């Protein structure tokens, strides 16, 4: 019979050992003077603050990545429109940021407004048309919210206006913007802008 290298402890020995460790820890804790306890408390607070700080840094990094993604999407949409020059695109970029500042960051962010502008541009609008539609996108969003109706994202409102710009007015009429088809045919997108302003 081979020798047993690690004989099993007597019944209860493991628990007694754990109990001894806990007692020793308790004794050491009680032996700490006031300064020692202060350092422990400060250390705990610093660790907590560090965790909060790390979360804040991570949040800022994610915001920066999202802002960069939206900016790339904005630039791509402006270039793809075929009707907006680089200089005009830069002007629209500044205009979108100014609208965000005027509205207040808690209402619509730069990213939301730039996304809306990019979506409008995808309907082959020129820079002036995007500039005219964009504040009305915000007005519609605010109007729907104030009226207690189903809220829409700025992107969805931009799609709705873009379709209207292309002559498909059904979705506009669904939200109470009663654009006349004949007026759109004869006066173009100005008829849509005026109807939005009248709501």
Protein backbone atom coordinates (compact mmCIF):
# COMPACT_ATOMS: atom_id res chain seq x y z
CA UNK A 1 0.00 0.00 0.00
CA UNK A 2 1.48 3.34 -1.02
CA UNK A 3 1.98 6.15 1.50
CA UNK A 4 -0.67 8.86 1.67
CA UNK A 5 1.00 12.22 0.98
CA UNK A 6 -1.87 14.47 2.08
CA UNK A 7 -3.93 12.89 4.82
CA UNK A 8 -7.41 14.36 5.16
CA UNK A 9 -7.72 16.80 8.08
CA UNK A 10 -9.67 15.74 11.11
CA UNK A 11 -13.34 16.59 10.94
CA UNK A 12 -13.82 20.33 11.51
CA UNK A 13 -10.14 21.22 11.25
CA UNK A 14 -10.68 23.29 8.08
CA UNK A 15 -13.38 25.38 9.69
CA UNK A 16 -11.25 25.91 12.81
CA UNK A 17 -8.38 27.12 10.63
CA UNK A 18 -10.67 29.57 8.84
CA UNK A 19 -12.02 30.75 12.18
CA UNK A 20 -8.45 31.38 13.37
CA UNK A 21 -7.69 33.45 10.26
CA UNK A 22 -10.79 35.57 10.79
CA UNK A 23 -9.93 36.10 14.45
CA UNK A 24 -6.39 37.20 13.53
CA UNK A 25 -7.74 39.65 10.94
CA UNK A 26 -10.21 41.03 13.48
CA UNK A 27 -7.44 41.50 16.02
CA UNK A 28 -5.29 43.38 13.50
CA UNK A 29 -8.21 45.58 12.48
CA UNK A 30 -8.93 46.50 16.10
CA UNK A 31 -5.25 47.24 16.59
CA UNK A 32 -5.26 49.96 13.93
CA UNK A 33 -5.07 53.43 15.44
CA UNK A 34 -7.24 56.32 14.28
CA UNK A 35 -4.73 57.29 11.59
CA UNK A 36 -4.65 53.77 10.24
CA UNK A 37 -8.43 53.67 9.97
CA UNK A 38 -8.33 57.08 8.27
CA UNK A 39 -5.88 55.77 5.66
CA UNK A 40 -8.08 52.75 5.03
CA UNK A 41 -11.13 55.01 4.56
CA UNK A 42 -9.22 57.43 2.30
CA UNK A 43 -7.85 54.55 0.29
CA UNK A 44 -11.36 53.20 -0.22
CA UNK A 45 -12.64 56.59 -1.34
CA UNK A 46 -9.73 57.02 -3.75
CA UNK A 47 -10.40 53.61 -5.25
CA UNK A 48 -14.08 54.51 -5.68
CA UNK A 49 -13.17 57.87 -7.21
CA UNK A 50 -10.75 56.12 -9.53
CA UNK A 51 -13.51 53.80 -10.72
CA UNK A 52 -15.84 56.74 -11.33
CA UNK A 53 -13.06 58.61 -13.14
CA UNK A 54 -12.33 55.61 -15.34
CA UNK A 55 -16.00 55.31 -16.24
CA UNK A 56 -16.10 59.03 -17.10
CA UNK A 57 -12.99 58.75 -19.30
CA UNK A 58 -14.46 55.71 -21.03
CA UNK A 59 -17.72 57.62 -21.60
CA UNK A 60 -15.87 60.59 -23.10
CA UNK A 61 -13.88 58.29 -25.35
CA UNK A 62 -17.09 56.66 -26.62
CA UNK A 63 -18.61 60.09 -27.26
CA UNK A 64 -15.52 61.12 -29.22
CA UNK A 65 -15.68 57.94 -31.33
CA UNK A 66 -19.39 58.52 -32.02
CA UNK A 67 -18.76 62.17 -32.94
CA UNK A 68 -16.01 61.09 -35.35
CA UNK A 69 -18.28 58.44 -36.91
CA UNK A 70 -21.07 60.98 -37.44
CA UNK A 71 -18.62 63.50 -38.92
CA UNK A 72 -17.34 60.94 -41.42
CA UNK A 73 -20.93 60.02 -42.31
CA UNK A 74 -21.78 63.71 -42.71
CA UNK A 75 -18.79 64.36 -45.00
CA UNK A 76 -19.54 61.25 -47.05
CA UNK A 77 -23.19 62.22 -47.54
CA UNK A 78 -22.26 65.75 -48.56
CA UNK A 79 -19.76 64.46 -51.12
CA UNK A 80 -22.16 61.79 -52.43
CA UNK A 81 -24.97 64.30 -52.98
CA UNK A 82 -23.11 65.61 -56.01
CA UNK A 83 -24.62 69.04 -55.38
CA UNK A 84 -22.69 70.27 -52.34
CA UNK A 85 -19.14 71.58 -52.60
CA UNK A 86 -16.52 71.09 -49.90
CA UNK A 87 -16.80 74.73 -48.85
CA UNK A 88 -20.61 74.50 -48.66
CA UNK A 89 -20.33 71.27 -46.65
CA UNK A 90 -18.04 72.99 -44.15
CA UNK A 91 -20.57 75.81 -43.88
CA UNK A 92 -23.39 73.33 -43.24
CA UNK A 93 -21.27 71.62 -40.62
CA UNK A 94 -20.86 74.91 -38.74
CA UNK A 95 -24.56 75.68 -39.22
CA UNK A 96 -25.56 72.31 -37.73
CA UNK A 97 -23.34 72.97 -34.71
CA UNK A 98 -24.86 76.44 -34.27
CA UNK A 99 -28.36 74.94 -34.29
CA UNK A 100 -27.30 72.47 -31.62
CA UNK A 101 -25.94 75.30 -29.47
CA UNK A 102 -29.12 77.33 -29.94
CA UNK A 103 -31.35 74.39 -29.04
CA UNK A 104 -29.29 73.38 -26.04
CA UNK A 105 -27.31 70.16 -25.77
CA UNK A 106 -30.05 68.53 -23.71
CA UNK A 107 -32.51 68.84 -26.63
CA UNK A 108 -30.64 67.88 -29.80
CA UNK A 109 -26.95 67.02 -30.01
CA UNK A 110 -24.49 67.96 -32.76
CA UNK A 111 -24.52 64.33 -33.83
CA UNK A 112 -28.33 64.17 -34.19
CA UNK A 113 -28.47 67.37 -36.22
CA UNK A 114 -25.56 66.38 -38.45
CA UNK A 115 -27.20 63.00 -39.04
CA UNK A 116 -30.36 64.84 -40.08
CA UNK A 117 -28.39 67.09 -42.45
CA UNK A 118 -26.65 64.07 -43.97
CA UNK A 119 -30.00 62.37 -44.51
CA UNK A 120 -31.45 65.46 -46.20
CA UNK A 121 -28.41 65.69 -48.49
CA UNK A 122 -28.95 62.07 -49.53
CA UNK A 123 -32.14 63.22 -51.30
CA UNK A 124 -29.98 65.18 -53.78
CA UNK A 125 -30.57 68.53 -52.13
CA UNK A 126 -28.14 71.37 -52.56
CA UNK A 127 -26.58 73.17 -49.60
CA UNK A 128 -29.19 75.95 -49.52
CA UNK A 129 -32.04 73.45 -49.48
CA UNK A 130 -30.46 71.47 -46.64
CA UNK A 131 -29.97 74.72 -44.74
CA UNK A 132 -33.64 75.65 -45.23
CA UNK A 133 -35.01 72.24 -44.26
CA UNK A 134 -32.79 71.63 -41.22
CA UNK A 135 -34.38 74.08 -38.72
CA UNK A 136 -37.79 72.84 -39.80
CA UNK A 137 -36.74 69.29 -38.92
CA UNK A 138 -36.18 70.54 -35.37
CA UNK A 139 -39.47 72.46 -35.41
CA UNK A 140 -41.42 69.35 -36.42
CA UNK A 141 -39.74 67.27 -33.71
CA UNK A 142 -40.57 69.90 -31.08
CA UNK A 143 -44.13 70.28 -32.40
CA UNK A 144 -44.84 66.56 -32.26
CA UNK A 145 -43.54 66.41 -28.71
CA UNK A 146 -45.55 69.45 -27.60
CA UNK A 147 -48.74 68.07 -29.17
CA UNK A 148 -48.27 64.78 -27.35
CA UNK A 149 -48.12 62.88 -30.62
CA UNK A 150 -45.81 60.00 -31.39
CA UNK A 151 -42.28 61.36 -31.33
CA UNK A 152 -39.96 60.89 -34.29
CA UNK A 153 -36.19 61.03 -34.47
CA UNK A 154 -34.58 63.85 -36.43
CA UNK A 155 -33.36 61.26 -38.89
CA UNK A 156 -36.89 59.94 -39.50
CA UNK A 157 -38.25 63.47 -39.92
CA UNK A 158 -35.48 64.19 -42.43
CA UNK A 159 -36.43 61.09 -44.40
CA UNK A 160 -40.07 62.21 -44.38
CA UNK A 161 -39.13 65.70 -45.64
CA UNK A 162 -36.70 64.22 -48.15
CA UNK A 163 -39.47 62.07 -49.61
CA UNK A 164 -41.71 65.13 -49.78
CA UNK A 165 -38.91 66.99 -51.53
CA UNK A 166 -38.89 64.19 -54.10
CA UNK A 167 -42.66 64.51 -54.58
CA UNK A 168 -43.87 61.77 -52.21
CA UNK A 169 -46.00 63.71 -49.73
CA UNK A 170 -48.04 60.90 -48.11
CA UNK A 171 -45.86 60.62 -45.02
CA UNK A 172 -46.04 64.41 -44.51
CA UNK A 173 -49.82 64.34 -44.59
CA UNK A 174 -49.79 61.51 -42.03
CA UNK A 175 -48.33 63.83 -39.41
CA UNK A 176 -50.65 66.70 -40.26
CA UNK A 177 -48.50 68.60 -42.77
CA UNK A 178 -51.18 68.94 -45.44
CA UNK A 179 -49.03 69.69 -48.46
CA UNK A 180 -50.89 70.03 -51.75
CA UNK A 181 -49.49 67.83 -54.50
CA UNK A 182 -50.19 70.42 -57.19
CA UNK A 183 -48.46 73.13 -55.16
CA UNK A 184 -45.36 70.94 -54.92
CA UNK A 185 -45.44 70.37 -58.67
CA UNK A 186 -45.73 74.05 -59.48
CA UNK A 187 -43.71 75.66 -56.68
CA UNK A 188 -41.37 72.87 -55.68
CA UNK A 189 -39.97 72.42 -52.19
CA UNK A 190 -40.92 75.96 -51.15
CA UNK A 191 -44.52 74.74 -50.90
CA UNK A 192 -43.40 72.15 -48.34
CA UNK A 193 -41.44 74.70 -46.31
CA UNK A 194 -44.40 77.08 -46.20
CA UNK A 195 -46.80 74.32 -45.10
CA UNK A 196 -44.39 73.27 -42.33
CA UNK A 197 -44.21 76.91 -41.19
CA UNK A 198 -48.00 77.13 -41.11
CA UNK A 199 -48.40 74.15 -38.78
